[in-house]
Amino acid sequence: MREPRKKLVGHVVSDKMDKTVVVRVERLVRHLLYDKVLRMEKKYKAHDAENACCVGDRVCIVESRPLSREKRWKVDEILERSENVMAEVGR
């Protein structure tokens, strides 16, 4: 049986590419020696077929087969819209 696909939650940092967004995912890691909690972040390129995501949106991404050289994730759902997009829609 196939393992469940990994899911990550992050914020969209860039949407300038066609059908691609850059998502920044933050995680907390405890340092092994000093026992301090560190905030680590990593950026992932994710496939956005409808170009629905905008900068600042909080999205859930799920792993997929390689779609290009750096794209291995797809946007599963938009959890929260950014406020600047909400202002543009209201006009």
N, C-alpha and C. Protein backbone atom coordinates (compact mmCIF):
# COMPACT_ATOMS: atom_id res chain seq x y z
N MET A 1 0.84 -1.18 0.00
CA MET A 1 0.00 0.00 0.00
C MET A 1 0.89 1.25 0.00
N ARG A 2 0.42 2.27 -0.63
CA ARG A 2 1.18 3.51 -0.77
C ARG A 2 1.11 4.35 0.50
N GLU A 3 2.25 4.97 0.86
CA GLU A 3 2.29 5.82 2.04
C GLU A 3 1.50 7.10 1.79
N PRO A 4 0.92 7.67 2.84
CA PRO A 4 0.21 8.94 2.64
C PRO A 4 1.18 10.05 2.26
N ARG A 5 0.71 10.97 1.43
CA ARG A 5 1.57 12.06 0.97
C ARG A 5 1.77 13.09 2.07
N LYS A 6 2.95 13.69 2.08
CA LYS A 6 3.26 14.71 3.08
C LYS A 6 2.49 15.98 2.77
N LYS A 7 2.07 16.66 3.84
CA LYS A 7 1.38 17.94 3.70
C LYS A 7 2.12 18.97 4.54
N LEU A 8 2.26 20.16 4.00
CA LEU A 8 2.90 21.26 4.71
C LEU A 8 2.01 22.49 4.60
N VAL A 9 2.10 23.37 5.60
CA VAL A 9 1.34 24.61 5.60
C VAL A 9 2.31 25.77 5.65
N GLY A 10 2.11 26.76 4.76
CA GLY A 10 2.99 27.90 4.72
C GLY A 10 2.33 29.10 4.07
N HIS A 11 3.12 30.16 3.89
CA HIS A 11 2.63 31.39 3.28
C HIS A 11 3.25 31.58 1.90
N VAL A 12 2.46 32.10 0.98
CA VAL A 12 2.94 32.35 -0.38
C VAL A 12 3.83 33.59 -0.35
N VAL A 13 5.05 33.43 -0.87
CA VAL A 13 6.02 34.52 -0.89
C VAL A 13 6.06 35.17 -2.27
N SER A 14 5.86 34.38 -3.32
CA SER A 14 5.92 34.90 -4.68
C SER A 14 4.92 34.16 -5.55
N ASP A 15 4.26 34.94 -6.45
CA ASP A 15 3.34 34.33 -7.42
C ASP A 15 3.61 34.86 -8.83
N LYS A 16 4.85 35.25 -9.09
CA LYS A 16 5.18 35.89 -10.36
C LYS A 16 5.28 34.91 -11.52
N MET A 17 5.50 33.62 -11.23
CA MET A 17 5.61 32.63 -12.29
C MET A 17 4.23 32.13 -12.70
N ASP A 18 4.14 31.60 -13.91
CA ASP A 18 2.88 31.08 -14.40
C ASP A 18 2.63 29.70 -13.82
N LYS A 19 1.51 29.52 -13.14
CA LYS A 19 1.09 28.26 -12.54
C LYS A 19 2.06 27.74 -11.47
N THR A 20 2.84 28.64 -10.87
CA THR A 20 3.78 28.26 -9.83
C THR A 20 3.79 29.33 -8.75
N VAL A 21 3.82 28.89 -7.50
CA VAL A 21 3.98 29.81 -6.37
C VAL A 21 5.14 29.32 -5.50
N VAL A 22 5.77 30.27 -4.81
CA VAL A 22 6.81 29.93 -3.86
C VAL A 22 6.20 30.04 -2.47
N VAL A 23 6.29 28.95 -1.70
CA VAL A 23 5.67 28.87 -0.38
C VAL A 23 6.77 28.75 0.67
N ARG A 24 6.73 29.64 1.69
CA ARG A 24 7.69 29.58 2.79
C ARG A 24 7.04 28.82 3.94
N VAL A 25 7.71 27.74 4.37
CA VAL A 25 7.21 26.90 5.45
C VAL A 25 8.15 27.06 6.65
N GLU A 26 7.59 27.39 7.80
CA GLU A 26 8.37 27.54 9.03
C GLU A 26 8.15 26.34 9.93
N ARG A 27 9.22 25.94 10.64
CA ARG A 27 9.10 24.87 11.62
C ARG A 27 9.99 25.18 12.80
N LEU A 28 9.65 24.64 13.95
CA LEU A 28 10.42 24.85 15.17
C LEU A 28 11.29 23.63 15.43
N VAL A 29 12.58 23.86 15.72
CA VAL A 29 13.53 22.79 15.96
C VAL A 29 14.27 23.09 17.26
N ARG A 30 14.42 22.10 18.11
CA ARG A 30 15.16 22.28 19.35
C ARG A 30 16.62 21.92 19.12
N HIS A 31 17.52 22.82 19.50
CA HIS A 31 18.95 22.59 19.36
C HIS A 31 19.37 21.46 20.30
N LEU A 32 20.16 20.51 19.79
CA LEU A 32 20.50 19.33 20.57
C LEU A 32 21.39 19.65 21.77
N LEU A 33 22.36 20.53 21.60
CA LEU A 33 23.30 20.83 22.67
C LEU A 33 22.79 21.91 23.61
N TYR A 34 22.30 23.01 23.05
CA TYR A 34 21.92 24.16 23.87
C TYR A 34 20.46 24.17 24.28
N ASP A 35 19.65 23.27 23.74
CA ASP A 35 18.25 23.11 24.12
C ASP A 35 17.41 24.36 23.84
N LYS A 36 17.86 25.17 22.90
CA LYS A 36 17.11 26.38 22.53
C LYS A 36 16.22 26.05 21.32
N VAL A 37 15.03 26.63 21.28
CA VAL A 37 14.11 26.40 20.17
C VAL A 37 14.45 27.39 19.06
N LEU A 38 14.73 26.87 17.88
CA LEU A 38 15.09 27.69 16.72
C LEU A 38 13.96 27.65 15.70
N ARG A 39 13.77 28.76 15.03
CA ARG A 39 12.76 28.83 13.97
C ARG A 39 13.47 28.66 12.64
N MET A 40 13.20 27.55 11.97
CA MET A 40 13.80 27.26 10.67
C MET A 40 12.75 27.49 9.59
N GLU A 41 13.19 27.95 8.43
CA GLU A 41 12.25 28.14 7.33
C GLU A 41 12.86 27.65 6.03
N LYS A 42 12.00 27.19 5.15
CA LYS A 42 12.43 26.67 3.85
C LYS A 42 11.39 27.07 2.82
N LYS A 43 11.84 27.32 1.60
CA LYS A 43 10.93 27.69 0.52
C LYS A 43 10.74 26.51 -0.43
N TYR A 44 9.51 26.30 -0.83
CA TYR A 44 9.15 25.24 -1.77
C TYR A 44 8.43 25.87 -2.96
N LYS A 45 8.70 25.36 -4.15
CA LYS A 45 7.94 25.76 -5.34
C LYS A 45 6.81 24.77 -5.51
N ALA A 46 5.59 25.30 -5.63
CA ALA A 46 4.40 24.47 -5.71
C ALA A 46 3.59 24.81 -6.96
N HIS A 47 2.94 23.79 -7.51
CA HIS A 47 2.12 23.96 -8.72
C HIS A 47 0.75 24.51 -8.34
N ASP A 48 0.37 25.60 -8.99
CA ASP A 48 -0.94 26.24 -8.77
C ASP A 48 -1.61 26.33 -10.13
N ALA A 49 -2.40 25.32 -10.49
CA ALA A 49 -2.94 25.19 -11.84
C ALA A 49 -3.83 26.35 -12.24
N GLU A 50 -4.63 26.89 -11.33
CA GLU A 50 -5.57 27.96 -11.67
C GLU A 50 -5.01 29.35 -11.43
N ASN A 51 -3.78 29.47 -10.99
CA ASN A 51 -3.19 30.77 -10.61
C ASN A 51 -4.08 31.48 -9.60
N ALA A 52 -4.59 30.73 -8.62
CA ALA A 52 -5.53 31.29 -7.65
C ALA A 52 -4.84 31.92 -6.45
N CYS A 53 -3.62 31.52 -6.16
CA CYS A 53 -2.91 32.02 -4.97
C CYS A 53 -2.30 33.39 -5.22
N CYS A 54 -2.28 34.20 -4.17
CA CYS A 54 -1.64 35.51 -4.20
C CYS A 54 -0.64 35.60 -3.06
N VAL A 55 0.22 36.59 -3.13
CA VAL A 55 1.23 36.79 -2.10
C VAL A 55 0.54 37.04 -0.76
N GLY A 56 0.98 36.33 0.28
CA GLY A 56 0.40 36.49 1.60
C GLY A 56 -0.62 35.44 1.96
N ASP A 57 -1.12 34.68 1.01
CA ASP A 57 -2.10 33.64 1.30
C ASP A 57 -1.46 32.53 2.13
N ARG A 58 -2.25 31.94 3.02
CA ARG A 58 -1.80 30.78 3.78
C ARG A 58 -2.36 29.55 3.07
N VAL A 59 -1.47 28.64 2.64
CA VAL A 59 -1.88 27.52 1.81
C VAL A 59 -1.37 26.20 2.39
N CYS A 60 -2.03 25.14 2.00
CA CYS A 60 -1.60 23.79 2.32
C CYS A 60 -1.07 23.17 1.02
N ILE A 61 0.17 22.65 1.06
CA ILE A 61 0.74 22.03 -0.13
C ILE A 61 0.95 20.55 0.15
N VAL A 62 0.85 19.74 -0.89
CA VAL A 62 0.99 18.29 -0.77
C VAL A 62 2.03 17.84 -1.78
N GLU A 63 2.84 16.84 -1.39
CA GLU A 63 3.90 16.38 -2.29
C GLU A 63 3.30 15.65 -3.49
N SER A 64 4.02 15.70 -4.62
CA SER A 64 3.54 15.06 -5.84
C SER A 64 4.75 14.56 -6.63
N ARG A 65 4.48 14.03 -7.78
CA ARG A 65 5.57 13.60 -8.65
C ARG A 65 6.32 14.84 -9.15
N PRO A 66 7.56 14.71 -9.61
CA PRO A 66 8.27 15.88 -10.12
C PRO A 66 7.56 16.48 -11.33
N LEU A 67 7.25 17.77 -11.25
CA LEU A 67 6.57 18.47 -12.33
C LEU A 67 7.55 19.27 -13.18
N SER A 68 8.67 19.67 -12.59
CA SER A 68 9.74 20.34 -13.31
C SER A 68 11.02 20.12 -12.50
N ARG A 69 12.07 20.87 -12.81
CA ARG A 69 13.34 20.65 -12.14
C ARG A 69 13.25 20.89 -10.63
N GLU A 70 12.46 21.87 -10.20
CA GLU A 70 12.39 22.20 -8.78
C GLU A 70 11.00 22.02 -8.18
N LYS A 71 9.96 21.78 -9.01
CA LYS A 71 8.59 21.65 -8.49
C LYS A 71 8.28 20.20 -8.16
N ARG A 72 8.07 19.94 -6.84
CA ARG A 72 7.66 18.61 -6.39
C ARG A 72 6.45 18.68 -5.46
N TRP A 73 5.75 19.82 -5.43
CA TRP A 73 4.61 20.03 -4.55
C TRP A 73 3.47 20.65 -5.35
N LYS A 74 2.24 20.42 -4.88
CA LYS A 74 1.05 21.03 -5.47
C LYS A 74 0.27 21.75 -4.37
N VAL A 75 -0.40 22.82 -4.75
CA VAL A 75 -1.26 23.53 -3.80
C VAL A 75 -2.52 22.71 -3.61
N ASP A 76 -2.75 22.28 -2.36
CA ASP A 76 -3.92 21.45 -2.06
C ASP A 76 -5.14 22.33 -1.82
N GLU A 77 -4.98 23.35 -0.96
CA GLU A 77 -6.09 24.26 -0.69
C GLU A 77 -5.56 25.57 -0.13
N ILE A 78 -6.35 26.61 -0.32
CA ILE A 78 -6.02 27.92 0.24
C ILE A 78 -6.74 28.02 1.58
N LEU A 79 -5.98 28.07 2.66
CA LEU A 79 -6.56 28.09 3.99
C LEU A 79 -7.05 29.47 4.40
N GLU A 80 -6.29 30.50 3.99
CA GLU A 80 -6.62 31.86 4.40
C GLU A 80 -6.13 32.83 3.34
N ARG A 81 -6.99 33.74 2.95
CA ARG A 81 -6.62 34.75 1.97
C ARG A 81 -5.91 35.91 2.65
N SER A 82 -5.00 36.56 1.91
CA SER A 82 -4.33 37.73 2.47
C SER A 82 -5.28 38.91 2.43
N GLU A 83 -5.01 39.90 3.28
CA GLU A 83 -5.91 41.04 3.40
C GLU A 83 -5.87 41.94 2.18
N ASN A 84 -4.70 42.07 1.52
CA ASN A 84 -4.63 42.94 0.35
C ASN A 84 -5.46 42.38 -0.81
N VAL A 85 -5.60 41.06 -0.90
CA VAL A 85 -6.44 40.47 -1.95
C VAL A 85 -7.92 40.69 -1.63
N MET A 86 -8.25 40.62 -0.35
CA MET A 86 -9.64 40.85 0.05
C MET A 86 -10.07 42.28 -0.27
N ALA A 87 -9.15 43.23 -0.14
CA ALA A 87 -9.45 44.63 -0.45
C ALA A 87 -9.67 44.82 -1.96
N GLU A 88 -8.89 44.12 -2.77
CA GLU A 88 -9.03 44.24 -4.22
C GLU A 88 -10.34 43.63 -4.71
N VAL A 89 -10.77 42.53 -4.10
CA VAL A 89 -12.01 41.87 -4.49
C VAL A 89 -13.20 42.74 -4.12
N GLY A 90 -13.11 43.46 -3.01
CA GLY A 90 -14.22 44.30 -2.55
C GLY A 90 -14.46 45.51 -3.40
N ARG A 91 -13.50 45.93 -4.22
CA ARG A 91 -13.66 47.12 -5.05
C ARG A 91 -14.63 46.94 -6.17
